[in-house]
Each structure stands twice: as structure tokens, then as C-alpha cells.
Amino acid sequence: KDWQIRNMAAGFRQLPLDRELMMTMKAKVKSSYHQNFFID
């Protein structure tokens, strides 16, 4: 969150995350990684 403020102040615009990619990554972590890992 600190970096978000700094990046915006430096003149950068944040792009939204790709929904499909996020769903794929969350499913991969849930199915293939230790249960205590998470992606959000």
C-alpha cells in the first residue's frame, strides 16, 4: 500500500488484474501447494 502511493505520486497508473489469470492461479495454489499458502 505504501508502494501504491509512491507509484501513483511518481506518475504511474495501476492496471487491473486479469480475472481469468487470478482464478487460474488461485486454483493452482489450492490444488498443488501446501494448504497454508494463499493468493488473494
Full PDB file with SEQRES, HELIX, SHEET, SSBOND, CRYST1, ORIGX, SCALE, CONECT and MASTER records, all heavy atoms in Angstrom:
SEQRES   1 A   40  LYS ASP TRP GLN ILE ARG ASN MET ALA ALA GLY PHE ARG          
SEQRES   2 A   40  GLN LEU PRO LEU ASP ARG GLU LEU MET MET THR MET LYS          
SEQRES   3 A   40  ALA LYS VAL LYS SER SER TYR HIS GLN ASN PHE PHE ILE          
SEQRES   4 A   40  ASP                                                          
HELIX    1 AA1 ASP A    2  ALA A    9  1                                   8    
HELIX    2 AA2 ARG A   19  SER A   32  1                                  14    
CRYST1    1.000    1.000    1.000  90.00  90.00  90.00 P 1           1          
ORIGX1      1.000000  0.000000  0.000000        0.00000                         
ORIGX2      0.000000  1.000000  0.000000        0.00000                         
ORIGX3      0.000000  0.000000  1.000000        0.00000                         
SCALE1      1.000000  0.000000  0.000000        0.00000                         
SCALE2      0.000000  1.000000  0.000000        0.00000                         
SCALE3      0.000000  0.000000  1.000000        0.00000                         
ATOM      1  N   LYS A   1       0.829  -1.212   0.000  1.00  0.00           N  
ATOM      2  CA  LYS A   1       0.000   0.000   0.000  1.00  0.00           C  
ATOM      3  C   LYS A   1       0.864   1.263   0.000  1.00  0.00           C  
ATOM      4  O   LYS A   1       0.515   2.257  -0.634  1.00  0.00           O  
ATOM      5  CB  LYS A   1      -0.957  -0.018   1.186  1.00  0.00           C  
ATOM      6  CG  LYS A   1      -2.028  -1.091   1.049  1.00  0.00           C  
ATOM      7  CD  LYS A   1      -2.967  -1.116   2.220  1.00  0.00           C  
ATOM      8  CE  LYS A   1      -4.003  -2.210   2.050  1.00  0.00           C  
ATOM      9  NZ  LYS A   1      -4.971  -2.256   3.122  1.00  0.00           N  
ATOM     10  N   ASP A   2       1.987   1.204   0.717  1.00  0.00           N  
ATOM     11  CA  ASP A   2       2.937   2.330   0.667  1.00  0.00           C  
ATOM     12  C   ASP A   2       3.472   2.508  -0.748  1.00  0.00           C  
ATOM     13  O   ASP A   2       3.591   3.621  -1.254  1.00  0.00           O  
ATOM     14  CB  ASP A   2       4.111   2.105   1.626  1.00  0.00           C  
ATOM     15  CG  ASP A   2       3.713   2.160   3.082  1.00  0.00           C  
ATOM     16  OD1 ASP A   2       2.749   2.878   3.416  1.00  0.00           O  
ATOM     17  OD2 ASP A   2       4.375   1.483   3.901  1.00  0.00           O  
ATOM     18  N   TRP A   3       3.811   1.393  -1.397  1.00  0.00           N  
ATOM     19  CA  TRP A   3       4.335   1.455  -2.757  1.00  0.00           C  
ATOM     20  C   TRP A   3       3.276   1.959  -3.736  1.00  0.00           C  
ATOM     21  O   TRP A   3       3.598   2.656  -4.700  1.00  0.00           O  
ATOM     22  CB  TRP A   3       4.866   0.091  -3.188  1.00  0.00           C  
ATOM     23  CG  TRP A   3       6.227  -0.170  -2.643  1.00  0.00           C  
ATOM     24  CD1 TRP A   3       6.569  -1.079  -1.680  1.00  0.00           C  
ATOM     25  CD2 TRP A   3       7.434   0.496  -3.004  1.00  0.00           C  
ATOM     26  NE1 TRP A   3       7.912  -1.009  -1.424  1.00  0.00           N  
ATOM     27  CE2 TRP A   3       8.473  -0.051  -2.226  1.00  0.00           C  
ATOM     28  CE3 TRP A   3       7.737   1.521  -3.906  1.00  0.00           C  
ATOM     29  CZ2 TRP A   3       9.793   0.383  -2.337  1.00  0.00           C  
ATOM     30  CZ3 TRP A   3       9.052   1.943  -4.009  1.00  0.00           C  
ATOM     31  CH2 TRP A   3      10.062   1.381  -3.236  1.00  0.00           C  
ATOM     32  N   GLN A   4       2.030   1.623  -3.487  1.00  0.00           N  
ATOM     33  CA  GLN A   4       0.967   2.104  -4.368  1.00  0.00           C  
ATOM     34  C   GLN A   4       0.929   3.631  -4.347  1.00  0.00           C  
ATOM     35  O   GLN A   4       0.850   4.270  -5.391  1.00  0.00           O  
ATOM     36  CB  GLN A   4      -0.379   1.525  -3.932  1.00  0.00           C  
ATOM     37  CG  GLN A   4      -1.509   1.946  -4.833  1.00  0.00           C  
ATOM     38  CD  GLN A   4      -2.744   1.092  -4.641  1.00  0.00           C  
ATOM     39  OE1 GLN A   4      -2.729   0.104  -3.933  1.00  0.00           O  
ATOM     40  NE2 GLN A   4      -3.815   1.466  -5.311  1.00  0.00           N  
ATOM     41  N   ILE A   5       1.007   4.203  -3.175  1.00  0.00           N  
ATOM     42  CA  ILE A   5       1.005   5.665  -3.041  1.00  0.00           C  
ATOM     43  C   ILE A   5       2.218   6.264  -3.745  1.00  0.00           C  
ATOM     44  O   ILE A   5       2.102   7.255  -4.474  1.00  0.00           O  
ATOM     45  CB  ILE A   5       0.965   6.061  -1.550  1.00  0.00           C  
ATOM     46  CG1 ILE A   5      -0.379   5.662  -0.945  1.00  0.00           C  
ATOM     47  CG2 ILE A   5       1.233   7.544  -1.365  1.00  0.00           C  
ATOM     48  CD1 ILE A   5      -0.422   5.706   0.574  1.00  0.00           C  
ATOM     49  N   ARG A   6       3.391   5.665  -3.537  1.00  0.00           N  
ATOM     50  CA  ARG A   6       4.619   6.180  -4.168  1.00  0.00           C  
ATOM     51  C   ARG A   6       4.544   6.080  -5.684  1.00  0.00           C  
ATOM     52  O   ARG A   6       4.933   7.012  -6.393  1.00  0.00           O  
ATOM     53  CB  ARG A   6       5.825   5.405  -3.656  1.00  0.00           C  
ATOM     54  CG  ARG A   6       6.141   5.698  -2.209  1.00  0.00           C  
ATOM     55  CD  ARG A   6       7.325   4.926  -1.747  1.00  0.00           C  
ATOM     56  NE  ARG A   6       8.524   5.534  -2.343  1.00  0.00           N  
ATOM     57  CZ  ARG A   6       9.744   5.184  -2.022  1.00  0.00           C  
ATOM     58  NH1 ARG A   6       9.949   4.227  -1.139  1.00  0.00           N  
ATOM     59  NH2 ARG A   6      10.779   5.757  -2.589  1.00  0.00           N  
ATOM     60  N   ASN A   7       4.076   4.950  -6.202  1.00  0.00           N  
ATOM     61  CA  ASN A   7       3.984   4.780  -7.652  1.00  0.00           C  
ATOM     62  C   ASN A   7       3.031   5.802  -8.264  1.00  0.00           C  
ATOM     63  O   ASN A   7       3.325   6.387  -9.309  1.00  0.00           O  
ATOM     64  CB  ASN A   7       3.536   3.366  -8.000  1.00  0.00           C  
ATOM     65  CG  ASN A   7       4.590   2.316  -7.705  1.00  0.00           C  
ATOM     66  OD1 ASN A   7       5.743   2.627  -7.436  1.00  0.00           O  
ATOM     67  ND2 ASN A   7       4.177   1.061  -7.727  1.00  0.00           N  
ATOM     68  N   MET A   8       1.898   6.005  -7.620  1.00  0.00           N  
ATOM     69  CA  MET A   8       0.927   6.972  -8.139  1.00  0.00           C  
ATOM     70  C   MET A   8       1.490   8.384  -8.087  1.00  0.00           C  
ATOM     71  O   MET A   8       1.324   9.161  -9.040  1.00  0.00           O  
ATOM     72  CB  MET A   8      -0.386   6.858  -7.373  1.00  0.00           C  
ATOM     73  CG  MET A   8      -1.118   5.554  -7.659  1.00  0.00           C  
ATOM     74  SD  MET A   8      -2.532   5.232  -6.589  1.00  0.00           S  
ATOM     75  CE  MET A   8      -3.608   6.579  -7.023  1.00  0.00           C  
ATOM     76  N   ALA A   9       2.168   8.728  -7.003  1.00  0.00           N  
ATOM     77  CA  ALA A   9       2.771  10.056  -6.878  1.00  0.00           C  
ATOM     78  C   ALA A   9       3.862  10.281  -7.928  1.00  0.00           C  
ATOM     79  O   ALA A   9       4.110  11.416  -8.342  1.00  0.00           O  
ATOM     80  CB  ALA A   9       3.344  10.238  -5.471  1.00  0.00           C  
ATOM     81  N   ALA A  10       4.497   9.191  -8.365  1.00  0.00           N  
ATOM     82  CA  ALA A  10       5.551   9.282  -9.379  1.00  0.00           C  
ATOM     83  C   ALA A  10       4.985   9.298 -10.799  1.00  0.00           C  
ATOM     84  O   ALA A  10       5.739   9.321 -11.773  1.00  0.00           O  
ATOM     85  CB  ALA A  10       6.531   8.124  -9.219  1.00  0.00           C  
ATOM     86  N   GLY A  11       3.670   9.259 -10.916  1.00  0.00           N  
ATOM     87  CA  GLY A  11       3.054   9.364 -12.237  1.00  0.00           C  
ATOM     88  C   GLY A  11       2.819   8.047 -12.948  1.00  0.00           C  
ATOM     89  O   GLY A  11       2.872   7.984 -14.175  1.00  0.00           O  
ATOM     90  N   PHE A  12       2.538   7.010 -12.187  1.00  0.00           N  
ATOM     91  CA  PHE A  12       2.209   5.721 -12.783  1.00  0.00           C  
ATOM     92  C   PHE A  12       0.760   5.376 -12.469  1.00  0.00           C  
ATOM     93  O   PHE A  12       0.240   5.758 -11.425  1.00  0.00           O  
ATOM     94  CB  PHE A  12       3.133   4.618 -12.261  1.00  0.00           C  
ATOM     95  CG  PHE A  12       4.538   4.741 -12.777  1.00  0.00           C  
ATOM     96  CD1 PHE A  12       5.447   5.573 -12.159  1.00  0.00           C  
ATOM     97  CD2 PHE A  12       4.938   4.036 -13.900  1.00  0.00           C  
ATOM     98  CE1 PHE A  12       6.745   5.705 -12.636  1.00  0.00           C  
ATOM     99  CE2 PHE A  12       6.226   4.156 -14.384  1.00  0.00           C  
ATOM    100  CZ  PHE A  12       7.131   4.995 -13.755  1.00  0.00           C  
ATOM    101  N   ARG A  13       0.123   4.670 -13.389  1.00  0.00           N  
ATOM    102  CA  ARG A  13      -1.258   4.249 -13.217  1.00  0.00           C  
ATOM    103  C   ARG A  13      -1.295   2.736 -13.100  1.00  0.00           C  
ATOM    104  O   ARG A  13      -0.699   2.019 -13.915  1.00  0.00           O  
ATOM    105  CB  ARG A  13      -2.114   4.713 -14.395  1.00  0.00           C  
ATOM    106  CG  ARG A  13      -3.586   4.338 -14.266  1.00  0.00           C  
ATOM    107  CD  ARG A  13      -4.426   4.967 -15.366  1.00  0.00           C  
ATOM    108  NE  ARG A  13      -4.048   4.573 -16.705  1.00  0.00           N  
ATOM    109  CZ  ARG A  13      -4.461   3.479 -17.336  1.00  0.00           C  
ATOM    110  NH1 ARG A  13      -5.282   2.639 -16.727  1.00  0.00           N  
ATOM    111  NH2 ARG A  13      -4.080   3.215 -18.566  1.00  0.00           N  
ATOM    112  N   GLN A  14      -2.008   2.253 -12.086  1.00  0.00           N  
ATOM    113  CA  GLN A  14      -2.090   0.823 -11.834  1.00  0.00           C  
ATOM    114  C   GLN A  14      -3.104   0.182 -12.773  1.00  0.00           C  
ATOM    115  O   GLN A  14      -4.179   0.728 -13.016  1.00  0.00           O  
ATOM    116  CB  GLN A  14      -2.486   0.596 -10.378  1.00  0.00           C  
ATOM    117  CG  GLN A  14      -2.302  -0.803  -9.906  1.00  0.00           C  
ATOM    118  CD  GLN A  14      -2.537  -0.930  -8.410  1.00  0.00           C  
ATOM    119  OE1 GLN A  14      -3.142  -0.065  -7.785  1.00  0.00           O  
ATOM    120  NE2 GLN A  14      -2.082  -2.020  -7.843  1.00  0.00           N  
ATOM    121  N   LEU A  15      -2.736  -0.988 -13.276  1.00  0.00           N  
ATOM    122  CA  LEU A  15      -3.627  -1.734 -14.155  1.00  0.00           C  
ATOM    123  C   LEU A  15      -4.384  -2.788 -13.355  1.00  0.00           C  
ATOM    124  O   LEU A  15      -3.847  -3.354 -12.400  1.00  0.00           O  
ATOM    125  CB  LEU A  15      -2.825  -2.418 -15.266  1.00  0.00           C  
ATOM    126  CG  LEU A  15      -2.042  -1.478 -16.187  1.00  0.00           C  
ATOM    127  CD1 LEU A  15      -1.206  -2.299 -17.163  1.00  0.00           C  
ATOM    128  CD2 LEU A  15      -2.985  -0.549 -16.921  1.00  0.00           C  
ATOM    129  N   PRO A  16      -5.613  -3.077 -13.737  1.00  0.00           N  
ATOM    130  CA  PRO A  16      -6.360  -4.126 -13.029  1.00  0.00           C  
ATOM    131  C   PRO A  16      -5.767  -5.505 -13.307  1.00  0.00           C  
ATOM    132  O   PRO A  16      -5.128  -5.727 -14.329  1.00  0.00           O  
ATOM    133  CB  PRO A  16      -7.779  -4.012 -13.598  1.00  0.00           C  
ATOM    134  CG  PRO A  16      -7.668  -3.193 -14.822  1.00  0.00           C  
ATOM    135  CD  PRO A  16      -6.390  -2.428 -14.776  1.00  0.00           C  
ATOM    136  N   LEU A  17      -5.986  -6.395 -12.370  1.00  0.00           N  
ATOM    137  CA  LEU A  17      -5.541  -7.770 -12.527  1.00  0.00           C  
ATOM    138  C   LEU A  17      -6.451  -8.500 -13.503  1.00  0.00           C  
ATOM    139  O   LEU A  17      -7.647  -8.210 -13.582  1.00  0.00           O  
ATOM    140  CB  LEU A  17      -5.572  -8.490 -11.174  1.00  0.00           C  
ATOM    141  CG  LEU A  17      -4.632  -7.939 -10.111  1.00  0.00           C  
ATOM    142  CD1 LEU A  17      -4.956  -8.556  -8.751  1.00  0.00           C  
ATOM    143  CD2 LEU A  17      -3.188  -8.190 -10.481  1.00  0.00           C  
ATOM    144  N   ASP A  18      -5.895  -9.430 -14.218  1.00  0.00           N  
ATOM    145  CA  ASP A  18      -6.669 -10.240 -15.151  1.00  0.00           C  
ATOM    146  C   ASP A  18      -7.466 -11.276 -14.345  1.00  0.00           C  
ATOM    147  O   ASP A  18      -6.887 -12.105 -13.650  1.00  0.00           O  
ATOM    148  CB  ASP A  18      -5.704 -10.930 -16.128  1.00  0.00           C  
ATOM    149  CG  ASP A  18      -6.420 -11.768 -17.157  1.00  0.00           C  
ATOM    150  OD1 ASP A  18      -6.831 -12.904 -16.807  1.00  0.00           O  
ATOM    151  OD2 ASP A  18      -6.558 -11.301 -18.300  1.00  0.00           O  
ATOM    152  N   ARG A  19      -8.792 -11.216 -14.416  1.00  0.00           N  
ATOM    153  CA  ARG A  19      -9.674 -12.100 -13.641  1.00  0.00           C  
ATOM    154  C   ARG A  19      -9.395 -13.574 -13.908  1.00  0.00           C  
ATOM    155  O   ARG A  19      -9.320 -14.379 -12.991  1.00  0.00           O  
ATOM    156  CB  ARG A  19     -11.148 -11.830 -13.977  1.00  0.00           C  
ATOM    157  CG  ARG A  19     -11.647 -10.499 -13.569  1.00  0.00           C  
ATOM    158  CD  ARG A  19     -11.874 -10.446 -12.060  1.00  0.00           C  
ATOM    159  NE  ARG A  19     -11.308  -9.191 -11.601  1.00  0.00           N  
ATOM    160  CZ  ARG A  19     -10.446  -9.061 -10.617  1.00  0.00           C  
ATOM    161  NH1 ARG A  19     -10.053 -10.076  -9.919  1.00  0.00           N  
ATOM    162  NH2 ARG A  19      -9.962  -7.893 -10.278  1.00  0.00           N  
ATOM    163  N   GLU A  20      -9.265 -13.928 -15.178  1.00  0.00           N  
ATOM    164  CA  GLU A  20      -9.051 -15.329 -15.535  1.00  0.00           C  
ATOM    165  C   GLU A  20      -7.715 -15.830 -14.987  1.00  0.00           C  
ATOM    166  O   GLU A  20      -7.630 -16.936 -14.451  1.00  0.00           O  
ATOM    167  CB  GLU A  20      -9.099 -15.496 -17.058  1.00  0.00           C  
ATOM    168  CG  GLU A  20      -9.088 -16.940 -17.500  1.00  0.00           C  
ATOM    169  CD  GLU A  20      -9.262 -17.074 -19.001  1.00  0.00           C  
ATOM    170  OE1 GLU A  20     -10.069 -16.331 -19.589  1.00  0.00           O  
ATOM    171  OE2 GLU A  20      -8.586 -17.954 -19.566  1.00  0.00           O  
ATOM    172  N   LEU A  21      -6.685 -15.017 -15.110  1.00  0.00           N  
ATOM    173  CA  LEU A  21      -5.380 -15.399 -14.583  1.00  0.00           C  
ATOM    174  C   LEU A  21      -5.430 -15.570 -13.067  1.00  0.00           C  
ATOM    175  O   LEU A  21      -4.883 -16.536 -12.531  1.00  0.00           O  
ATOM    176  CB  LEU A  21      -4.320 -14.357 -14.959  1.00  0.00           C  
ATOM    177  CG  LEU A  21      -2.918 -14.604 -14.432  1.00  0.00           C  
ATOM    178  CD1 LEU A  21      -2.353 -15.907 -14.989  1.00  0.00           C  
ATOM    179  CD2 LEU A  21      -2.014 -13.429 -14.781  1.00  0.00           C  
ATOM    180  N   MET A  22      -6.105 -14.667 -12.374  1.00  0.00           N  
ATOM    181  CA  MET A  22      -6.220 -14.775 -10.917  1.00  0.00           C  
ATOM    182  C   MET A  22      -6.967 -16.051 -10.523  1.00  0.00           C  
ATOM    183  O   MET A  22      -6.558 -16.742  -9.594  1.00  0.00           O  
ATOM    184  CB  MET A  22      -6.916 -13.549 -10.327  1.00  0.00           C  
ATOM    185  CG  MET A  22      -6.050 -12.306 -10.276  1.00  0.00           C  
ATOM    186  SD  MET A  22      -4.555 -12.524  -9.277  1.00  0.00           S  
ATOM    187  CE  MET A  22      -5.236 -12.809  -7.657  1.00  0.00           C  
ATOM    188  N   MET A  23      -8.042 -16.374 -11.212  1.00  0.00           N  
ATOM    189  CA  MET A  23      -8.790 -17.596 -10.907  1.00  0.00           C  
ATOM    190  C   MET A  23      -7.915 -18.826 -11.147  1.00  0.00           C  
ATOM    191  O   MET A  23      -7.912 -19.763 -10.335  1.00  0.00           O  
ATOM    192  CB  MET A  23     -10.069 -17.668 -11.748  1.00  0.00           C  
ATOM    193  CG  MET A  23     -11.125 -16.689 -11.289  1.00  0.00           C  
ATOM    194  SD  MET A  23     -12.685 -16.634 -12.238  1.00  0.00           S  
ATOM    195  CE  MET A  23     -12.698 -18.069 -13.223  1.00  0.00           C  
ATOM    196  N   THR A  24      -7.148 -18.821 -12.223  1.00  0.00           N  
ATOM    197  CA  THR A  24      -6.255 -19.940 -12.538  1.00  0.00           C  
ATOM    198  C   THR A  24      -5.184 -20.087 -11.459  1.00  0.00           C  
ATOM    199  O   THR A  24      -4.914 -21.198 -10.987  1.00  0.00           O  
ATOM    200  CB  THR A  24      -5.599 -19.735 -13.921  1.00  0.00           C  
ATOM    201  OG1 THR A  24      -6.625 -19.636 -14.909  1.00  0.00           O  
ATOM    202  CG2 THR A  24      -4.644 -20.862 -14.250  1.00  0.00           C  
ATOM    203  N   MET A  25      -4.597 -18.981 -11.056  1.00  0.00           N  
ATOM    204  CA  MET A  25      -3.541 -19.037 -10.048  1.00  0.00           C  
ATOM    205  C   MET A  25      -4.081 -19.486  -8.692  1.00  0.00           C  
ATOM    206  O   MET A  25      -3.453 -20.287  -8.002  1.00  0.00           O  
ATOM    207  CB  MET A  25      -2.836 -17.689  -9.948  1.00  0.00           C  
ATOM    208  CG  MET A  25      -2.044 -17.381 -11.207  1.00  0.00           C  
ATOM    209  SD  MET A  25      -1.118 -15.873 -11.124  1.00  0.00           S  
ATOM    210  CE  MET A  25       0.110 -16.316  -9.921  1.00  0.00           C  
ATOM    211  N   LYS A  26      -5.234 -18.986  -8.305  1.00  0.00           N  
ATOM    212  CA  LYS A  26      -5.832 -19.414  -7.041  1.00  0.00           C  
ATOM    213  C   LYS A  26      -6.131 -20.916  -7.058  1.00  0.00           C  
ATOM    214  O   LYS A  26      -5.880 -21.619  -6.074  1.00  0.00           O  
ATOM    215  CB  LYS A  26      -7.113 -18.622  -6.758  1.00  0.00           C  
ATOM    216  CG  LYS A  26      -6.867 -17.201  -6.322  1.00  0.00           C  
ATOM    217  CD  LYS A  26      -8.179 -16.469  -6.087  1.00  0.00           C  
ATOM    218  CE  LYS A  26      -7.947 -15.041  -5.669  1.00  0.00           C  
ATOM    219  NZ  LYS A  26      -9.206 -14.347  -5.377  1.00  0.00           N  
ATOM    220  N   ALA A  27      -6.659 -21.406  -8.175  1.00  0.00           N  
ATOM    221  CA  ALA A  27      -6.954 -22.839  -8.290  1.00  0.00           C  
ATOM    222  C   ALA A  27      -5.673 -23.661  -8.237  1.00  0.00           C  
ATOM    223  O   ALA A  27      -5.635 -24.720  -7.597  1.00  0.00           O  
ATOM    224  CB  ALA A  27      -7.722 -23.110  -9.588  1.00  0.00           C  
ATOM    225  N   LYS A  28      -4.621 -23.196  -8.890  1.00  0.00           N  
ATOM    226  CA  LYS A  28      -3.336 -23.912  -8.888  1.00  0.00           C  
ATOM    227  C   LYS A  28      -2.758 -23.972  -7.480  1.00  0.00           C  
ATOM    228  O   LYS A  28      -2.301 -25.037  -7.039  1.00  0.00           O  
ATOM    229  CB  LYS A  28      -2.360 -23.210  -9.833  1.00  0.00           C  
ATOM    230  CG  LYS A  28      -0.999 -23.833  -9.898  1.00  0.00           C  
ATOM    231  CD  LYS A  28      -1.040 -25.151 -10.634  1.00  0.00           C  
ATOM    232  CE  LYS A  28       0.371 -25.655 -10.859  1.00  0.00           C  
ATOM    233  NZ  LYS A  28       0.379 -26.987 -11.424  1.00  0.00           N  
ATOM    234  N   VAL A  29      -2.789 -22.874  -6.760  1.00  0.00           N  
ATOM    235  CA  VAL A  29      -2.269 -22.856  -5.388  1.00  0.00           C  
ATOM    236  C   VAL A  29      -3.088 -23.782  -4.504  1.00  0.00           C  
ATOM    237  O   VAL A  29      -2.542 -24.558  -3.712  1.00  0.00           O  
ATOM    238  CB  VAL A  29      -2.235 -21.417  -4.821  1.00  0.00           C  
ATOM    239  CG1 VAL A  29      -2.005 -21.414  -3.323  1.00  0.00           C  
ATOM    240  CG2 VAL A  29      -1.158 -20.599  -5.519  1.00  0.00           C  
ATOM    241  N   LYS A  30      -4.402 -23.744  -4.650  1.00  0.00           N  
ATOM    242  CA  LYS A  30      -5.277 -24.585  -3.832  1.00  0.00           C  
ATOM    243  C   LYS A  30      -5.067 -26.072  -4.121  1.00  0.00           C  
ATOM    244  O   LYS A  30      -5.073 -26.889  -3.200  1.00  0.00           O  
ATOM    245  CB  LYS A  30      -6.735 -24.192  -4.058  1.00  0.00           C  
ATOM    246  CG  LYS A  30      -7.685 -24.874  -3.120  1.00  0.00           C  
ATOM    247  CD  LYS A  30      -9.084 -24.322  -3.251  1.00  0.00           C  
ATOM    248  CE  LYS A  30      -9.973 -24.973  -2.206  1.00  0.00           C  
ATOM    249  NZ  LYS A  30     -11.247 -24.323  -2.078  1.00  0.00           N  
ATOM    250  N   SER A  31      -4.843 -26.415  -5.386  1.00  0.00           N  
ATOM    251  CA  SER A  31      -4.737 -27.834  -5.750  1.00  0.00           C  
ATOM    252  C   SER A  31      -3.324 -28.400  -5.618  1.00  0.00           C  
ATOM    253  O   SER A  31      -3.165 -29.596  -5.410  1.00  0.00           O  
ATOM    254  CB  SER A  31      -5.227 -28.053  -7.178  1.00  0.00           C  
ATOM    255  OG  SER A  31      -4.332 -27.467  -8.112  1.00  0.00           O  
ATOM    256  N   SER A  32      -2.302 -27.567  -5.721  1.00  0.00           N  
ATOM    257  CA  SER A  32      -0.945 -28.094  -5.828  1.00  0.00           C  
ATOM    258  C   SER A  32       0.028 -27.639  -4.737  1.00  0.00           C  
ATOM    259  O   SER A  32       1.152 -28.125  -4.707  1.00  0.00           O  
ATOM    260  CB  SER A  32      -0.345 -27.702  -7.181  1.00  0.00           C  
ATOM    261  OG  SER A  32      -1.164 -28.167  -8.227  1.00  0.00           O  
ATOM    262  N   TYR A  33      -0.366 -26.727  -3.912  1.00  0.00           N  
ATOM    263  CA  TYR A  33       0.547 -26.196  -2.912  1.00  0.00           C  
ATOM    264  C   TYR A  33       0.051 -26.527  -1.510  1.00  0.00           C  
ATOM    265  O   TYR A  33      -1.090 -26.939  -1.322  1.00  0.00           O  
ATOM    266  CB  TYR A  33       0.696 -24.679  -3.075  1.00  0.00           C  
ATOM    267  CG  TYR A  33       1.495 -24.295  -4.300  1.00  0.00           C  
ATOM    268  CD1 TYR A  33       0.917 -24.319  -5.568  1.00  0.00           C  
ATOM    269  CD2 TYR A  33       2.827 -23.926  -4.195  1.00  0.00           C  
ATOM    270  CE1 TYR A  33       1.645 -23.989  -6.696  1.00  0.00           C  
ATOM    271  CE2 TYR A  33       3.563 -23.587  -5.316  1.00  0.00           C  
ATOM    272  CZ  TYR A  33       2.964 -23.619  -6.566  1.00  0.00           C  
ATOM    273  OH  TYR A  33       3.690 -23.297  -7.679  1.00  0.00           O  
ATOM    274  N   HIS A  34       0.895 -26.308  -0.534  1.00  0.00           N  
ATOM    275  CA  HIS A  34       0.521 -26.545   0.861  1.00  0.00           C  
ATOM    276  C   HIS A  34      -0.715 -25.719   1.190  1.00  0.00           C  
ATOM    277  O   HIS A  34      -0.885 -24.594   0.716  1.00  0.00           O  
ATOM    278  CB  HIS A  34       1.694 -26.162   1.777  1.00  0.00           C  
ATOM    279  CG  HIS A  34       1.502 -26.594   3.187  1.00  0.00           C  
ATOM    280  ND1 HIS A  34       0.743 -25.864   4.075  1.00  0.00           N  
ATOM    281  CD2 HIS A  34       1.943 -27.673   3.864  1.00  0.00           C  
ATOM    282  CE1 HIS A  34       0.734 -26.483   5.248  1.00  0.00           C  
ATOM    283  NE2 HIS A  34       1.462 -27.584   5.148  1.00  0.00           N  
ATOM    284  N   GLN A  35      -1.564 -26.261   2.035  1.00  0.00           N  
ATOM    285  CA  GLN A  35      -2.846 -25.622   2.363  1.00  0.00           C  
ATOM    286  C   GLN A  35      -2.699 -24.246   3.001  1.00  0.00           C  
ATOM    287  O   GLN A  35      -3.645 -23.452   2.982  1.00  0.00           O  
ATOM    288  CB  GLN A  35      -3.653 -26.520   3.294  1.00  0.00           C  
ATOM    289  CG  GLN A  35      -3.010 -26.708   4.657  1.00  0.00           C  
ATOM    290  CD  GLN A  35      -3.760 -27.712   5.509  1.00  0.00           C  
ATOM    291  OE1 GLN A  35      -4.662 -28.382   5.039  1.00  0.00           O  
ATOM    292  NE2 GLN A  35      -3.372 -27.811   6.758  1.00  0.00           N  
ATOM    293  N   ASN A  36      -1.540 -23.932   3.575  1.00  0.00           N  
ATOM    294  CA  ASN A  36      -1.358 -22.634   4.229  1.00  0.00           C  
ATOM    295  C   ASN A  36      -0.921 -21.518   3.289  1.00  0.00           C  
ATOM    296  O   ASN A  36      -0.893 -20.362   3.677  1.00  0.00           O  
ATOM    297  CB  ASN A  36      -0.364 -22.749   5.382  1.00  0.00           C  
ATOM    298  CG  ASN A  36      -0.955 -23.504   6.545  1.00  0.00           C  
ATOM    299  OD1 ASN A  36      -2.151 -23.441   6.806  1.00  0.00           O  
ATOM    300  ND2 ASN A  36      -0.136 -24.256   7.247  1.00  0.00           N  
ATOM    301  N   PHE A  37      -0.568 -21.870   2.039  1.00  0.00           N  
ATOM    302  CA  PHE A  37      -0.284 -20.829   1.055  1.00  0.00           C  
ATOM    303  C   PHE A  37      -1.601 -20.222   0.598  1.00  0.00           C  
ATOM    304  O   PHE A  37      -2.617 -20.899   0.519  1.00  0.00           O  
ATOM    305  CB  PHE A  37       0.419 -21.410  -0.174  1.00  0.00           C  
ATOM    306  CG  PHE A  37       1.882 -21.654   0.002  1.00  0.00           C  
ATOM    307  CD1 PHE A  37       2.367 -22.943   0.016  1.00  0.00           C  
ATOM    308  CD2 PHE A  37       2.775 -20.607   0.136  1.00  0.00           C  
ATOM    309  CE1 PHE A  37       3.720 -23.195   0.170  1.00  0.00           C  
ATOM    310  CE2 PHE A  37       4.131 -20.839   0.293  1.00  0.00           C  
ATOM    311  CZ  PHE A  37       4.603 -22.139   0.313  1.00  0.00           C  
ATOM    312  N   PHE A  38      -1.552 -18.939   0.259  1.00  0.00           N  
ATOM    313  CA  PHE A  38      -2.743 -18.326  -0.331  1.00  0.00           C  
ATOM    314  C   PHE A  38      -2.351 -17.274  -1.351  1.00  0.00           C  
ATOM    315  O   PHE A  38      -1.255 -16.729  -1.339  1.00  0.00           O  
ATOM    316  CB  PHE A  38      -3.664 -17.710   0.735  1.00  0.00           C  
ATOM    317  CG  PHE A  38      -3.132 -16.468   1.394  1.00  0.00           C  
ATOM    318  CD1 PHE A  38      -3.313 -15.215   0.815  1.00  0.00           C  
ATOM    319  CD2 PHE A  38      -2.459 -16.552   2.604  1.00  0.00           C  
ATOM    320  CE1 PHE A  38      -2.830 -14.071   1.439  1.00  0.00           C  
ATOM    321  CE2 PHE A  38      -1.977 -15.420   3.228  1.00  0.00           C  
ATOM    322  CZ  PHE A  38      -2.158 -14.171   2.641  1.00  0.00           C  
ATOM    323  N   ILE A  39      -3.275 -17.048  -2.266  1.00  0.00           N  
ATOM    324  CA  ILE A  39      -3.199 -15.938  -3.215  1.00  0.00           C  
ATOM    325  C   ILE A  39      -4.509 -15.196  -3.075  1.00  0.00           C  
ATOM    326  O   ILE A  39      -5.581 -15.797  -3.032  1.00  0.00           O  
ATOM    327  CB  ILE A  39      -3.003 -16.424  -4.664  1.00  0.00           C  
ATOM    328  CG1 ILE A  39      -1.581 -16.949  -4.831  1.00  0.00           C  
ATOM    329  CG2 ILE A  39      -3.277 -15.298  -5.643  1.00  0.00           C  
ATOM    330  CD1 ILE A  39      -1.221 -17.293  -6.259  1.00  0.00           C  
ATOM    331  N   ASP A  40      -4.400 -13.877  -2.987  1.00  0.00           N  
ATOM    332  CA  ASP A  40      -5.585 -13.038  -2.859  1.00  0.00           C  
ATOM    333  C   ASP A  40      -5.328 -11.768  -3.649  1.00  0.00           C  
ATOM    334  O   ASP A  40      -4.281 -11.620  -4.282  1.00  0.00           O  
ATOM    335  CB  ASP A  40      -5.853 -12.735  -1.380  1.00  0.00           C  
ATOM    336  CG  ASP A  40      -7.314 -12.397  -1.107  1.00  0.00           C  
ATOM    337  OD1 ASP A  40      -8.098 -12.256  -2.069  1.00  0.00           O  
ATOM    338  OD2 ASP A  40      -7.656 -12.259   0.068  1.00  0.00           O  
TER     339      ASP A  40                                                      
MASTER        0    0    0    2    0    0    0    6  338    1    0    4          
END                                                                             
